[in-house]
Amino acid sequence: MISPRFAPVVFGFVLSALMSFIVSGIATVRTAGPVDGFLTLWIGAWLPSWLVAFPVVLVVAPVARKIVQGMVRA
């Protein structure tokens, strides 16, 4: 089991994986359509996207939390 102190990083890891997977899939199907080898194209688009998305999520999540805290009443 993972230590709770790593929860923000693990959350960012999972969130960035899922979001980049979904978004790259949508972009790939819109660009290439349902072609032979679609899955290979999708994974080829997803992996580099995830490499960018993971560190971005780690940086942006705290900023988003502060923005939401400013928008929501206590």
Protein backbone atom coordinates (compact mmCIF):
# COMPACT_ATOMS: atom_id res chain seq x y z
CA MET A 1 0.00 0.00 0.00
CA ILE A 2 1.12 3.55 -0.71
CA SER A 3 1.71 6.03 2.10
CA PRO A 4 -1.01 8.71 2.45
CA ARG A 5 1.64 11.42 2.12
CA PHE A 6 1.95 10.47 -1.56
CA ALA A 7 -1.79 10.79 -2.18
CA PRO A 8 -1.55 14.06 -4.17
CA VAL A 9 1.06 12.61 -6.50
CA VAL A 10 -0.81 9.32 -6.94
CA PHE A 11 -4.01 11.27 -7.58
CA GLY A 12 -2.23 13.38 -10.23
CA PHE A 13 -0.78 10.23 -11.78
CA VAL A 14 -4.17 8.53 -12.09
CA LEU A 15 -6.05 11.68 -13.12
CA SER A 16 -3.52 12.60 -15.80
CA ALA A 17 -3.51 9.03 -17.14
CA LEU A 18 -7.29 8.85 -17.42
CA MET A 19 -7.82 12.35 -18.79
CA SER A 20 -5.03 12.15 -21.37
CA PHE A 21 -6.23 8.68 -22.41
CA ILE A 22 -9.78 9.91 -23.02
CA VAL A 23 -8.81 13.17 -24.71
CA SER A 24 -6.18 11.58 -26.96
CA GLY A 25 -8.72 8.90 -27.93
CA ILE A 26 -11.26 11.53 -28.92
CA ALA A 27 -8.65 13.51 -30.86
CA THR A 28 -7.36 10.37 -32.60
CA VAL A 29 -10.81 9.16 -33.66
CA ARG A 30 -11.66 12.64 -34.93
CA THR A 31 -8.43 12.83 -36.92
CA ALA A 32 -8.05 9.27 -38.22
CA GLY A 33 -11.52 7.82 -37.84
CA PRO A 34 -12.17 4.16 -37.06
CA VAL A 35 -9.30 2.80 -39.16
CA ASP A 36 -7.27 -0.40 -38.96
CA GLY A 37 -4.53 0.15 -36.41
CA PHE A 38 -6.59 2.71 -34.50
CA LEU A 39 -5.48 1.36 -31.13
CA THR A 40 -1.81 1.73 -32.11
CA LEU A 41 -2.43 5.31 -33.23
CA TRP A 42 -4.29 6.06 -30.01
CA ILE A 43 -1.58 4.66 -27.74
CA GLY A 44 1.04 6.49 -29.81
CA ALA A 45 -0.81 9.75 -29.16
CA TRP A 46 -1.61 8.98 -25.53
CA LEU A 47 1.85 8.15 -24.15
CA PRO A 48 3.54 11.45 -25.06
CA SER A 49 0.39 13.29 -23.95
CA TRP A 50 0.57 11.60 -20.56
CA LEU A 51 4.24 12.52 -20.19
CA VAL A 52 3.18 16.16 -20.49
CA ALA A 53 -0.10 15.87 -18.58
CA PHE A 54 1.32 14.31 -15.40
CA PRO A 55 3.70 17.14 -14.41
CA VAL A 56 1.18 19.73 -15.59
CA VAL A 57 -1.50 18.25 -13.29
CA LEU A 58 0.91 18.35 -10.36
CA VAL A 59 1.54 22.07 -10.95
CA VAL A 60 -1.98 23.12 -11.94
CA ALA A 61 -4.02 21.17 -9.34
CA PRO A 62 -3.03 23.40 -6.39
CA VAL A 63 -3.85 26.50 -8.44
CA ALA A 64 -7.24 25.04 -9.40
CA ARG A 65 -7.93 24.21 -5.73
CA LYS A 66 -7.27 27.83 -4.73
CA ILE A 67 -9.49 29.15 -7.50
CA VAL A 68 -12.31 26.82 -6.44
CA GLN A 69 -11.89 27.79 -2.78
CA GLY A 70 -12.32 31.42 -3.83
CA MET A 71 -15.49 30.58 -5.71
CA VAL A 72 -17.18 28.41 -3.09
CA ARG A 73 -18.68 29.64 0.16
CA ALA A 74 -17.34 28.09 3.33
